[in-house]
Amino acid sequence: MSIALYMDEHIHLAITVGLQFRDVDVLTVQDDGRTGMPDTIILDRAAEIQRVVFTQDEDFLAIANRRQQEGINFAGVIYAQQKSVTVGDCIRDLEIIAKVNEPEDLANCVQYLPL
């Protein structure tokens, strides 16, 4: 089983499409009808549907850190600083993460891109 990704609403569409072309299981916040929802709700929803969040929003880092400290489970967060990684780098690294890991590998963790 591979990792399914849940794309935060501000992720460049080219990343999502590139991953879909590579047969990575991707769902966007928009396609899930959660546009504009608070980040905490997005992280809860990702856990509910067993998907790891991909984001470029630093707020998710603080939320994940708080949950780690309080022992509150979440499915995982993959974070890329927008100015530090290209669209191509994101696609390549996310494909690797999705295809070589299992969901439990990223549970309650934060993974930073680029790898």
PDB file of N, CA and C in Angstrom:
ATOM      1  N   MET A   1       0.847  -1.185   0.000  1.00  0.00           N
ATOM      2  CA  MET A   1       0.000   0.000   0.000  1.00  0.00           C
ATOM      3  C   MET A   1       0.884   1.238   0.000  1.00  0.00           C
ATOM      4  N   SER A   2       0.503   2.228  -0.757  1.00  0.00           N
ATOM      5  CA  SER A   2       1.275   3.463  -0.809  1.00  0.00           C
ATOM      6  C   SER A   2       0.546   4.564  -0.044  1.00  0.00           C
ATOM      7  N   ILE A   3       1.177   5.706   0.010  1.00  0.00           N
ATOM      8  CA  ILE A   3       0.599   6.844   0.720  1.00  0.00           C
ATOM      9  C   ILE A   3      -0.310   7.630  -0.224  1.00  0.00           C
ATOM     10  N   ALA A   4      -1.482   7.976   0.267  1.00  0.00           N
ATOM     11  CA  ALA A   4      -2.405   8.841  -0.453  1.00  0.00           C
ATOM     12  C   ALA A   4      -2.199  10.263   0.060  1.00  0.00           C
ATOM     13  N   LEU A   5      -2.190  11.225  -0.855  1.00  0.00           N
ATOM     14  CA  LEU A   5      -1.916  12.613  -0.490  1.00  0.00           C
ATOM     15  C   LEU A   5      -3.185  13.457  -0.501  1.00  0.00           C
ATOM     16  N   TYR A   6      -3.205  14.432   0.400  1.00  0.00           N
ATOM     17  CA  TYR A   6      -4.292  15.405   0.512  1.00  0.00           C
ATOM     18  C   TYR A   6      -3.658  16.773   0.308  1.00  0.00           C
ATOM     19  N   MET A   7      -3.934  17.391  -0.833  1.00  0.00           N
ATOM     20  CA  MET A   7      -3.273  18.627  -1.225  1.00  0.00           C
ATOM     21  C   MET A   7      -3.980  19.834  -0.623  1.00  0.00           C
ATOM     22  N   ASP A   8      -3.223  20.629   0.138  1.00  0.00           N
ATOM     23  CA  ASP A   8      -3.738  21.871   0.703  1.00  0.00           C
ATOM     24  C   ASP A   8      -4.239  22.764  -0.441  1.00  0.00           C
ATOM     25  N   GLU A   9      -5.148  23.663  -0.136  1.00  0.00           N
ATOM     26  CA  GLU A   9      -5.808  24.424  -1.191  1.00  0.00           C
ATOM     27  C   GLU A   9      -4.906  25.385  -1.952  1.00  0.00           C
ATOM     28  N   HIS A  10      -3.741  25.725  -1.437  1.00  0.00           N
ATOM     29  CA  HIS A  10      -2.872  26.686  -2.117  1.00  0.00           C
ATOM     30  C   HIS A  10      -1.756  26.026  -2.919  1.00  0.00           C
ATOM     31  N   ILE A  11      -1.797  24.722  -3.056  1.00  0.00           N
ATOM     32  CA  ILE A  11      -0.766  24.007  -3.811  1.00  0.00           C
ATOM     33  C   ILE A  11      -0.986  24.226  -5.308  1.00  0.00           C
ATOM     34  N   HIS A  12       0.098  24.501  -6.009  1.00  0.00           N
ATOM     35  CA  HIS A  12       0.053  24.744  -7.451  1.00  0.00           C
ATOM     36  C   HIS A  12      -0.562  23.538  -8.163  1.00  0.00           C
ATOM     37  N   LEU A  13      -1.518  23.801  -9.034  1.00  0.00           N
ATOM     38  CA  LEU A  13      -2.225  22.739  -9.751  1.00  0.00           C
ATOM     39  C   LEU A  13      -1.270  21.841 -10.535  1.00  0.00           C
ATOM     40  N   ALA A  14      -0.176  22.401 -11.032  1.00  0.00           N
ATOM     41  CA  ALA A  14       0.785  21.604 -11.805  1.00  0.00           C
ATOM     42  C   ALA A  14       1.369  20.464 -10.971  1.00  0.00           C
ATOM     43  N   ILE A  15       1.508  20.665  -9.671  1.00  0.00           N
ATOM     44  CA  ILE A  15       2.021  19.599  -8.797  1.00  0.00           C
ATOM     45  C   ILE A  15       1.003  18.463  -8.725  1.00  0.00           C
ATOM     46  N   THR A  16      -0.242  18.818  -8.506  1.00  0.00           N
ATOM     47  CA  THR A  16      -1.303  17.809  -8.425  1.00  0.00           C
ATOM     48  C   THR A  16      -1.419  17.029  -9.729  1.00  0.00           C
ATOM     49  N   VAL A  17      -1.455  17.735 -10.839  1.00  0.00           N
ATOM     50  CA  VAL A  17      -1.590  17.083 -12.145  1.00  0.00           C
ATOM     51  C   VAL A  17      -0.376  16.206 -12.441  1.00  0.00           C
ATOM     52  N   GLY A  18       0.813  16.705 -12.143  1.00  0.00           N
ATOM     53  CA  GLY A  18       2.023  15.918 -12.361  1.00  0.00           C
ATOM     54  C   GLY A  18       2.017  14.622 -11.578  1.00  0.00           C
ATOM     55  N   LEU A  19       1.529  14.682 -10.359  1.00  0.00           N
ATOM     56  CA  LEU A  19       1.444  13.472  -9.536  1.00  0.00           C
ATOM     57  C   LEU A  19       0.389  12.509 -10.076  1.00  0.00           C
ATOM     58  N   GLN A  20      -0.727  13.044 -10.525  1.00  0.00           N
ATOM     59  CA  GLN A  20      -1.767  12.190 -11.094  1.00  0.00           C
ATOM     60  C   GLN A  20      -1.260  11.464 -12.339  1.00  0.00           C
ATOM     61  N   PHE A  21      -0.470  12.145 -13.170  1.00  0.00           N
ATOM     62  CA  PHE A  21       0.126  11.507 -14.348  1.00  0.00           C
ATOM     63  C   PHE A  21       1.071  10.380 -13.959  1.00  0.00           C
ATOM     64  N   ARG A  22       1.597  10.438 -12.746  1.00  0.00           N
ATOM     65  CA  ARG A  22       2.522   9.413 -12.255  1.00  0.00           C
ATOM     66  C   ARG A  22       1.812   8.376 -11.379  1.00  0.00           C
ATOM     67  N   ASP A  23       0.497   8.359 -11.451  1.00  0.00           N
ATOM     68  CA  ASP A  23      -0.329   7.385 -10.725  1.00  0.00           C
ATOM     69  C   ASP A  23      -0.189   7.470  -9.215  1.00  0.00           C
ATOM     70  N   VAL A  24      -0.024   8.689  -8.704  1.00  0.00           N
ATOM     71  CA  VAL A  24      -0.030   8.913  -7.262  1.00  0.00           C
ATOM     72  C   VAL A  24      -1.461   9.268  -6.870  1.00  0.00           C
ATOM     73  N   ASP A  25      -1.944   8.676  -5.786  1.00  0.00           N
ATOM     74  CA  ASP A  25      -3.297   8.918  -5.285  1.00  0.00           C
ATOM     75  C   ASP A  25      -3.335  10.294  -4.621  1.00  0.00           C
ATOM     76  N   VAL A  26      -3.993  11.239  -5.293  1.00  0.00           N
ATOM     77  CA  VAL A  26      -4.021  12.632  -4.846  1.00  0.00           C
ATOM     78  C   VAL A  26      -5.468  13.105  -4.771  1.00  0.00           C
ATOM     79  N   LEU A  27      -5.796  13.783  -3.680  1.00  0.00           N
ATOM     80  CA  LEU A  27      -7.091  14.442  -3.527  1.00  0.00           C
ATOM     81  C   LEU A  27      -6.825  15.864  -3.072  1.00  0.00           C
ATOM     82  N   THR A  28      -7.442  16.831  -3.738  1.00  0.00           N
ATOM     83  CA  THR A  28      -7.269  18.221  -3.317  1.00  0.00           C
ATOM     84  C   THR A  28      -8.356  18.602  -2.314  1.00  0.00           C
ATOM     85  N   VAL A  29      -8.036  19.580  -1.501  1.00  0.00           N
ATOM     86  CA  VAL A  29      -9.013  20.124  -0.558  1.00  0.00           C
ATOM     87  C   VAL A  29     -10.237  20.616  -1.332  1.00  0.00           C
ATOM     88  N   GLN A  30     -10.010  21.226  -2.486  1.00  0.00           N
ATOM     89  CA  GLN A  30     -11.115  21.737  -3.291  1.00  0.00           C
ATOM     90  C   GLN A  30     -12.026  20.601  -3.756  1.00  0.00           C
ATOM     91  N   ASP A  31     -11.426  19.526  -4.269  1.00  0.00           N
ATOM     92  CA  ASP A  31     -12.228  18.391  -4.749  1.00  0.00           C
ATOM     93  C   ASP A  31     -12.981  17.702  -3.619  1.00  0.00           C
ATOM     94  N   ASP A  32     -12.474  17.860  -2.400  1.00  0.00           N
ATOM     95  CA  ASP A  32     -13.122  17.273  -1.222  1.00  0.00           C
ATOM     96  C   ASP A  32     -14.156  18.222  -0.611  1.00  0.00           C
ATOM     97  N   GLY A  33     -14.355  19.384  -1.231  1.00  0.00           N
ATOM     98  CA  GLY A  33     -15.348  20.337  -0.739  1.00  0.00           C
ATOM     99  C   GLY A  33     -14.974  21.018   0.564  1.00  0.00           C
ATOM    100  N   ARG A  34     -13.672  21.178   0.817  1.00  0.00           N
ATOM    101  CA  ARG A  34     -13.215  21.752   2.084  1.00  0.00           C
ATOM    102  C   ARG A  34     -12.488  23.090   1.906  1.00  0.00           C
ATOM    103  N   THR A  35     -12.663  23.743   0.765  1.00  0.00           N
ATOM    104  CA  THR A  35     -12.010  25.025   0.516  1.00  0.00           C
ATOM    105  C   THR A  35     -12.381  26.027   1.604  1.00  0.00           C
ATOM    106  N   GLY A  36     -11.375  26.740   2.103  1.00  0.00           N
ATOM    107  CA  GLY A  36     -11.602  27.783   3.097  1.00  0.00           C
ATOM    108  C   GLY A  36     -11.730  27.293   4.525  1.00  0.00           C
ATOM    109  N   MET A  37     -11.645  25.996   4.733  1.00  0.00           N
ATOM    110  CA  MET A  37     -11.756  25.451   6.091  1.00  0.00           C
ATOM    111  C   MET A  37     -10.472  25.734   6.871  1.00  0.00           C
ATOM    112  N   PRO A  38     -10.569  25.862   8.199  1.00  0.00           N
ATOM    113  CA  PRO A  38      -9.369  26.071   9.016  1.00  0.00           C
ATOM    114  C   PRO A  38      -8.392  24.901   8.884  1.00  0.00           C
ATOM    115  N   ASP A  39      -7.113  25.222   9.041  1.00  0.00           N
ATOM    116  CA  ASP A  39      -6.069  24.205   8.886  1.00  0.00           C
ATOM    117  C   ASP A  39      -6.253  23.030   9.843  1.00  0.00           C
ATOM    118  N   THR A  40      -6.722  23.286  11.050  1.00  0.00           N
ATOM    119  CA  THR A  40      -6.937  22.189  12.002  1.00  0.00           C
ATOM    120  C   THR A  40      -7.995  21.214  11.483  1.00  0.00           C
ATOM    121  N   ILE A  41      -9.015  21.743  10.847  1.00  0.00           N
ATOM    122  CA  ILE A  41     -10.071  20.904  10.270  1.00  0.00           C
ATOM    123  C   ILE A  41      -9.513  20.102   9.096  1.00  0.00           C
ATOM    124  N   ILE A  42      -8.669  20.728   8.299  1.00  0.00           N
ATOM    125  CA  ILE A  42      -8.047  20.032   7.164  1.00  0.00           C
ATOM    126  C   ILE A  42      -7.190  18.874   7.667  1.00  0.00           C
ATOM    127  N   LEU A  43      -6.415  19.108   8.719  1.00  0.00           N
ATOM    128  CA  LEU A  43      -5.570  18.045   9.265  1.00  0.00           C
ATOM    129  C   LEU A  43      -6.423  16.913   9.847  1.00  0.00           C
ATOM    130  N   ASP A  44      -7.518  17.262  10.511  1.00  0.00           N
ATOM    131  CA  ASP A  44      -8.443  16.241  11.023  1.00  0.00           C
ATOM    132  C   ASP A  44      -9.073  15.447   9.879  1.00  0.00           C
ATOM    133  N   ARG A  45      -9.474  16.156   8.830  1.00  0.00           N
ATOM    134  CA  ARG A  45     -10.093  15.492   7.681  1.00  0.00           C
ATOM    135  C   ARG A  45      -9.106  14.530   7.015  1.00  0.00           C
ATOM    136  N   ALA A  46      -7.860  14.947   6.891  1.00  0.00           N
ATOM    137  CA  ALA A  46      -6.841  14.080   6.291  1.00  0.00           C
ATOM    138  C   ALA A  46      -6.716  12.776   7.072  1.00  0.00           C
ATOM    139  N   ALA A  47      -6.725  12.868   8.388  1.00  0.00           N
ATOM    140  CA  ALA A  47      -6.640  11.659   9.216  1.00  0.00           C
ATOM    141  C   ALA A  47      -7.880  10.789   9.020  1.00  0.00           C
ATOM    142  N   GLU A  48      -9.027  11.440   8.943  1.00  0.00           N
ATOM    143  CA  GLU A  48     -10.293  10.719   8.767  1.00  0.00           C
ATOM    144  C   GLU A  48     -10.300   9.907   7.472  1.00  0.00           C
ATOM    145  N   ILE A  49      -9.744  10.472   6.411  1.00  0.00           N
ATOM    146  CA  ILE A  49      -9.744   9.786   5.115  1.00  0.00           C
ATOM    147  C   ILE A  49      -8.388   9.134   4.815  1.00  0.00           C
ATOM    148  N   GLN A  50      -7.544   9.074   5.818  1.00  0.00           N
ATOM    149  CA  GLN A  50      -6.249   8.379   5.767  1.00  0.00           C
ATOM    150  C   GLN A  50      -5.355   8.882   4.635  1.00  0.00           C
ATOM    151  N   ARG A  51      -5.148  10.196   4.637  1.00  0.00           N
ATOM    152  CA  ARG A  51      -4.275  10.841   3.659  1.00  0.00           C
ATOM    153  C   ARG A  51      -3.292  11.754   4.377  1.00  0.00           C
ATOM    154  N   VAL A  52      -2.106  11.855   3.818  1.00  0.00           N
ATOM    155  CA  VAL A  52      -1.071  12.744   4.343  1.00  0.00           C
ATOM    156  C   VAL A  52      -1.231  14.100   3.662  1.00  0.00           C
ATOM    157  N   VAL A  53      -1.194  15.169   4.444  1.00  0.00           N
ATOM    158  CA  VAL A  53      -1.343  16.521   3.912  1.00  0.00           C
ATOM    159  C   VAL A  53      -0.037  16.975   3.267  1.00  0.00           C
ATOM    160  N   PHE A  54      -0.134  17.511   2.057  1.00  0.00           N
ATOM    161  CA  PHE A  54       0.991  18.234   1.460  1.00  0.00           C
ATOM    162  C   PHE A  54       0.631  19.705   1.469  1.00  0.00           C
ATOM    163  N   THR A  55       1.524  20.522   2.018  1.00  0.00           N
ATOM    164  CA  THR A  55       1.257  21.939   2.172  1.00  0.00           C
ATOM    165  C   THR A  55       2.517  22.767   1.994  1.00  0.00           C
ATOM    166  N   GLN A  56       2.300  24.044   1.731  1.00  0.00           N
ATOM    167  CA  GLN A  56       3.376  25.026   1.738  1.00  0.00           C
ATOM    168  C   GLN A  56       3.025  26.129   2.735  1.00  0.00           C
ATOM    169  N   ASP A  57       2.109  25.826   3.620  1.00  0.00           N
ATOM    170  CA  ASP A  57       1.612  26.746   4.644  1.00  0.00           C
ATOM    171  C   ASP A  57       2.284  26.427   5.978  1.00  0.00           C
ATOM    172  N   GLU A  58       3.077  27.357   6.481  1.00  0.00           N
ATOM    173  CA  GLU A  58       3.814  27.144   7.730  1.00  0.00           C
ATOM    174  C   GLU A  58       2.911  26.900   8.932  1.00  0.00           C
ATOM    175  N   ASP A  59       1.670  27.340   8.870  1.00  0.00           N
ATOM    176  CA  ASP A  59       0.746  27.125   9.989  1.00  0.00           C
ATOM    177  C   ASP A  59       0.586  25.637  10.305  1.00  0.00           C
ATOM    178  N   PHE A  60       0.659  24.790   9.285  1.00  0.00           N
ATOM    179  CA  PHE A  60       0.542  23.348   9.514  1.00  0.00           C
ATOM    180  C   PHE A  60       1.689  22.822  10.368  1.00  0.00           C
ATOM    181  N   LEU A  61       2.862  23.450  10.261  1.00  0.00           N
ATOM    182  CA  LEU A  61       4.007  23.017  11.071  1.00  0.00           C
ATOM    183  C   LEU A  61       3.727  23.241  12.549  1.00  0.00           C
ATOM    184  N   ALA A  62       3.168  24.390  12.878  1.00  0.00           N
ATOM    185  CA  ALA A  62       2.840  24.690  14.275  1.00  0.00           C
ATOM    186  C   ALA A  62       1.746  23.760  14.792  1.00  0.00           C
ATOM    187  N   ILE A  63       0.747  23.505  13.976  1.00  0.00           N
ATOM    188  CA  ILE A  63      -0.345  22.615  14.385  1.00  0.00           C
ATOM    189  C   ILE A  63       0.184  21.203  14.602  1.00  0.00           C
ATOM    190  N   ALA A  64       1.002  20.716  13.674  1.00  0.00           N
ATOM    191  CA  ALA A  64       1.565  19.366  13.805  1.00  0.00           C
ATOM    192  C   ALA A  64       2.451  19.272  15.040  1.00  0.00           C
ATOM    193  N   ASN A  65       3.265  20.292  15.277  1.00  0.00           N
ATOM    194  CA  ASN A  65       4.135  20.294  16.453  1.00  0.00           C
ATOM    195  C   ASN A  65       3.323  20.240  17.740  1.00  0.00           C
ATOM    196  N   ARG A  66       2.278  21.019  17.792  1.00  0.00           N
ATOM    197  CA  ARG A  66       1.410  21.031  18.978  1.00  0.00           C
ATOM    198  C   ARG A  66       0.773  19.652  19.186  1.00  0.00           C
ATOM    199  N   ARG A  67       0.322  19.039  18.114  1.00  0.00           N
ATOM    200  CA  ARG A  67      -0.288  17.708  18.231  1.00  0.00           C
ATOM    201  C   ARG A  67       0.736  16.659  18.656  1.00  0.00           C
ATOM    202  N   GLN A  68       1.943  16.760  18.159  1.00  0.00           N
ATOM    203  CA  GLN A  68       2.996  15.831  18.584  1.00  0.00           C
ATOM    204  C   GLN A  68       3.242  15.965  20.084  1.00  0.00           C
ATOM    205  N   GLN A  69       3.332  17.192  20.570  1.00  0.00           N
ATOM    206  CA  GLN A  69       3.596  17.426  21.991  1.00  0.00           C
ATOM    207  C   GLN A  69       2.441  16.980  22.873  1.00  0.00           C
ATOM    208  N   GLU A  70       1.218  17.093  22.365  1.00  0.00           N
ATOM    209  CA  GLU A  70       0.036  16.734  23.153  1.00  0.00           C
ATOM    210  C   GLU A  70      -0.403  15.289  22.929  1.00  0.00           C
ATOM    211  N   GLY A  71       0.296  14.567  22.067  1.00  0.00           N
ATOM    212  CA  GLY A  71      -0.053  13.172  21.805  1.00  0.00           C
ATOM    213  C   GLY A  71      -1.335  12.992  21.017  1.00  0.00           C
ATOM    214  N   ILE A  72      -1.668  13.969  20.182  1.00  0.00           N
ATOM    215  CA  ILE A  72      -2.871  13.894  19.350  1.00  0.00           C
ATOM    216  C   ILE A  72      -2.461  13.371  17.973  1.00  0.00           C
ATOM    217  N   ASN A  73      -3.036  12.268  17.559  1.00  0.00           N
ATOM    218  CA  ASN A  73      -2.656  11.631  16.301  1.00  0.00           C
ATOM    219  C   ASN A  73      -3.100  12.435  15.086  1.00  0.00           C
ATOM    220  N   PHE A  74      -2.268  12.373  14.044  1.00  0.00           N
ATOM    221  CA  PHE A  74      -2.606  12.922  12.735  1.00  0.00           C
ATOM    222  C   PHE A  74      -1.913  12.065  11.682  1.00  0.00           C
ATOM    223  N   ALA A  75      -2.397  12.138  10.454  1.00  0.00           N
ATOM    224  CA  ALA A  75      -1.909  11.232   9.408  1.00  0.00           C
ATOM    225  C   ALA A  75      -0.523  11.587   8.887  1.00  0.00           C
ATOM    226  N   GLY A  76      -0.069  12.797   9.135  1.00  0.00           N
ATOM    227  CA  GLY A  76       1.244  13.231   8.667  1.00  0.00           C
ATOM    228  C   GLY A  76       1.137  14.482   7.821  1.00  0.00           C
ATOM    229  N   VAL A  77       2.245  15.219   7.773  1.00  0.00           N
ATOM    230  CA  VAL A  77       2.325  16.447   6.992  1.00  0.00           C
ATOM    231  C   VAL A  77       3.624  16.412   6.198  1.00  0.00           C
ATOM    232  N   ILE A  78       3.526  16.756   4.935  1.00  0.00           N
ATOM    233  CA  ILE A  78       4.707  16.982   4.106  1.00  0.00           C
ATOM    234  C   ILE A  78       4.711  18.471   3.793  1.00  0.00           C
ATOM    235  N   TYR A  79       5.831  19.118   4.091  1.00  0.00           N
ATOM    236  CA  TYR A  79       5.926  20.574   3.944  1.00  0.00           C
ATOM    237  C   TYR A  79       7.053  20.947   2.992  1.00  0.00           C
ATOM    238  N   ALA A  80       6.763  21.882   2.104  1.00  0.00           N
ATOM    239  CA  ALA A  80       7.781  22.448   1.220  1.00  0.00           C
ATOM    240  C   ALA A  80       7.654  23.960   1.257  1.00  0.00           C
ATOM    241  N   GLN A  81       8.750  24.631   1.567  1.00  0.00           N
ATOM    242  CA  GLN A  81       8.738  26.090   1.528  1.00  0.00           C
ATOM    243  C   GLN A  81       8.663  26.507   0.063  1.00  0.00           C
ATOM    244  N   GLN A  82       7.698  27.333  -0.256  1.00  0.00           N
ATOM    245  CA  GLN A  82       7.392  27.652  -1.644  1.00  0.00           C
ATOM    246  C   GLN A  82       8.602  28.185  -2.411  1.00  0.00           C
ATOM    247  N   LYS A  83       9.425  28.988  -1.782  1.00  0.00           N
ATOM    248  CA  LYS A  83      10.553  29.607  -2.477  1.00  0.00           C
ATOM    249  C   LYS A  83      11.786  28.715  -2.532  1.00  0.00           C
ATOM    250  N   SER A  84      11.747  27.578  -1.865  1.00  0.00           N
ATOM    251  CA  SER A  84      12.929  26.722  -1.771  1.00  0.00           C
ATOM    252  C   SER A  84      12.870  25.477  -2.643  1.00  0.00           C
ATOM    253  N   VAL A  85      11.750  25.235  -3.289  1.00  0.00           N
ATOM    254  CA  VAL A  85      11.598  23.997  -4.054  1.00  0.00           C
ATOM    255  C   VAL A  85      10.770  24.283  -5.313  1.00  0.00           C
ATOM    256  N   THR A  86      11.180  23.694  -6.418  1.00  0.00           N
ATOM    257  CA  THR A  86      10.465  23.896  -7.677  1.00  0.00           C
ATOM    258  C   THR A  86       9.276  22.945  -7.779  1.00  0.00           C
ATOM    259  N   VAL A  87       8.411  23.229  -8.730  1.00  0.00           N
ATOM    260  CA  VAL A  87       7.281  22.339  -8.997  1.00  0.00           C
ATOM    261  C   VAL A  87       7.800  20.947  -9.342  1.00  0.00           C
ATOM    262  N   GLY A  88       8.808  20.878 -10.197  1.00  0.00           N
ATOM    263  CA  GLY A  88       9.379  19.585 -10.583  1.00  0.00           C
ATOM    264  C   GLY A  88       9.962  18.825  -9.409  1.00  0.00           C
ATOM    265  N   ASP A  89      10.653  19.547  -8.510  1.00  0.00           N
ATOM    266  CA  ASP A  89      11.207  18.908  -7.313  1.00  0.00           C
ATOM    267  C   ASP A  89      10.095  18.346  -6.436  1.00  0.00           C
ATOM    268  N   CYS A  90       9.019  19.113  -6.286  1.00  0.00           N
ATOM    269  CA  CYS A  90       7.889  18.639  -5.476  1.00  0.00           C
ATOM    270  C   CYS A  90       7.301  17.367  -6.069  1.00  0.00           C
ATOM    271  N   ILE A  91       7.089  17.365  -7.370  1.00  0.00           N
ATOM    272  CA  ILE A  91       6.513  16.187  -8.014  1.00  0.00           C
ATOM    273  C   ILE A  91       7.416  14.980  -7.808  1.00  0.00           C
ATOM    274  N   ARG A  92       8.698  15.147  -8.072  1.00  0.00           N
ATOM    275  CA  ARG A  92       9.647  14.030  -7.932  1.00  0.00           C
ATOM    276  C   ARG A  92       9.670  13.499  -6.504  1.00  0.00           C
ATOM    277  N   ASP A  93       9.833  14.403  -5.530  1.00  0.00           N
ATOM    278  CA  ASP A  93       9.957  13.973  -4.137  1.00  0.00           C
ATOM    279  C   ASP A  93       8.659  13.390  -3.595  1.00  0.00           C
ATOM    280  N   LEU A  94       7.529  13.991  -3.945  1.00  0.00           N
ATOM    281  CA  LEU A  94       6.245  13.464  -3.473  1.00  0.00           C
ATOM    282  C   LEU A  94       5.955  12.090  -4.073  1.00  0.00           C
ATOM    283  N   GLU A  95       6.324  11.893  -5.328  1.00  0.00           N
ATOM    284  CA  GLU A  95       6.141  10.571  -5.936  1.00  0.00           C
ATOM    285  C   GLU A  95       6.965   9.526  -5.188  1.00  0.00           C
ATOM    286  N   ILE A  96       8.204   9.858  -4.875  1.00  0.00           N
ATOM    287  CA  ILE A  96       9.056   8.924  -4.127  1.00  0.00           C
ATOM    288  C   ILE A  96       8.435   8.611  -2.774  1.00  0.00           C
ATOM    289  N   ILE A  97       8.057   9.652  -2.043  1.00  0.00           N
ATOM    290  CA  ILE A  97       7.473   9.458  -0.710  1.00  0.00           C
ATOM    291  C   ILE A  97       6.217   8.594  -0.797  1.00  0.00           C
ATOM    292  N   ALA A  98       5.348   8.918  -1.751  1.00  0.00           N
ATOM    293  CA  ALA A  98       4.076   8.199  -1.861  1.00  0.00           C
ATOM    294  C   ALA A  98       4.264   6.735  -2.230  1.00  0.00           C
ATOM    295  N   LYS A  99       5.238   6.445  -3.063  1.00  0.00           N
ATOM    296  CA  LYS A  99       5.376   5.083  -3.581  1.00  0.00           C
ATOM    297  C   LYS A  99       6.257   4.172  -2.739  1.00  0.00           C
ATOM    298  N   VAL A 100       7.141   4.720  -1.924  1.00  0.00           N
ATOM    299  CA  VAL A 100       8.036   3.844  -1.151  1.00  0.00           C
ATOM    300  C   VAL A 100       7.667   3.751   0.326  1.00  0.00           C
ATOM    301  N   ASN A 101       6.747   4.563   0.774  1.00  0.00           N
ATOM    302  CA  ASN A 101       6.358   4.553   2.185  1.00  0.00           C
ATOM    303  C   ASN A 101       4.976   3.956   2.375  1.00  0.00           C
ATOM    304  N   GLU A 102       4.731   3.565   3.601  1.00  0.00           N
ATOM    305  CA  GLU A 102       3.413   3.118   4.041  1.00  0.00           C
ATOM    306  C   GLU A 102       2.814   4.227   4.904  1.00  0.00           C
ATOM    307  N   PRO A 103       1.486   4.285   5.025  1.00  0.00           N
ATOM    308  CA  PRO A 103       0.869   5.344   5.826  1.00  0.00           C
ATOM    309  C   PRO A 103       1.448   5.471   7.234  1.00  0.00           C
ATOM    310  N   GLU A 104       1.750   4.344   7.874  1.00  0.00           N
ATOM    311  CA  GLU A 104       2.272   4.410   9.243  1.00  0.00           C
ATOM    312  C   GLU A 104       3.669   5.037   9.307  1.00  0.00           C
ATOM    313  N   ASP A 105       4.382   5.078   8.175  1.00  0.00           N
ATOM    314  CA  ASP A 105       5.713   5.686   8.158  1.00  0.00           C
ATOM    315  C   ASP A 105       5.665   7.193   8.396  1.00  0.00           C
ATOM    316  N   LEU A 106       4.576   7.830   8.008  1.00  0.00           N
ATOM    317  CA  LEU A 106       4.457   9.280   8.175  1.00  0.00           C
ATOM    318  C   LEU A 106       3.463   9.680   9.256  1.00  0.00           C
ATOM    319  N   ALA A 107       2.804   8.717   9.871  1.00  0.00           N
ATOM    320  CA  ALA A 107       1.829   9.031  10.917  1.00  0.00           C
ATOM    321  C   ALA A 107       2.494   9.837  12.024  1.00  0.00           C
ATOM    322  N   ASN A 108       1.872  10.950  12.378  1.00  0.00           N
ATOM    323  CA  ASN A 108       2.331  11.833  13.455  1.00  0.00           C
ATOM    324  C   ASN A 108       3.699  12.447  13.179  1.00  0.00           C
ATOM    325  N   CYS A 109       4.072  12.540  11.903  1.00  0.00           N
ATOM    326  CA  CYS A 109       5.385  13.075  11.518  1.00  0.00           C
ATOM    327  C   CYS A 109       5.229  14.239  10.542  1.00  0.00           C
ATOM    328  N   VAL A 110       6.310  15.018  10.443  1.00  0.00           N
ATOM    329  CA  VAL A 110       6.421  16.066   9.434  1.00  0.00           C
ATOM    330  C   VAL A 110       7.634  15.736   8.574  1.00  0.00           C
ATOM    331  N   GLN A 111       7.432  15.707   7.269  1.00  0.00           N
ATOM    332  CA  GLN A 111       8.515  15.473   6.304  1.00  0.00           C
ATOM    333  C   GLN A 111       8.725  16.773   5.530  1.00  0.00           C
ATOM    334  N   TYR A 112       9.970  17.191   5.405  1.00  0.00           N
ATOM    335  CA  TYR A 112      10.289  18.427   4.694  1.00  0.00           C
ATOM    336  C   TYR A 112      10.820  18.120   3.301  1.00  0.00           C
ATOM    337  N   LEU A 113      10.418  18.953   2.333  1.00  0.00           N
ATOM    338  CA  LEU A 113      10.958  18.893   0.982  1.00  0.00           C
ATOM    339  C   LEU A 113      11.837  20.116   0.757  1.00  0.00           C
ATOM    340  N   PRO A 114      12.873  20.016  -0.070  1.00  0.00           N
ATOM    341  CA  PRO A 114      13.233  18.846  -0.848  1.00  0.00           C
ATOM    342  C   PRO A 114      13.884  17.775   0.011  1.00  0.00           C
ATOM    343  N   LEU A 115      13.841  16.543  -0.504  1.00  0.00           N
ATOM    344  CA  LEU A 115      14.456  15.420   0.211  1.00  0.00           C
ATOM    345  C   LEU A 115      15.959  15.599   0.268  1.00  0.00           C
TER     346      LEU A 115
END
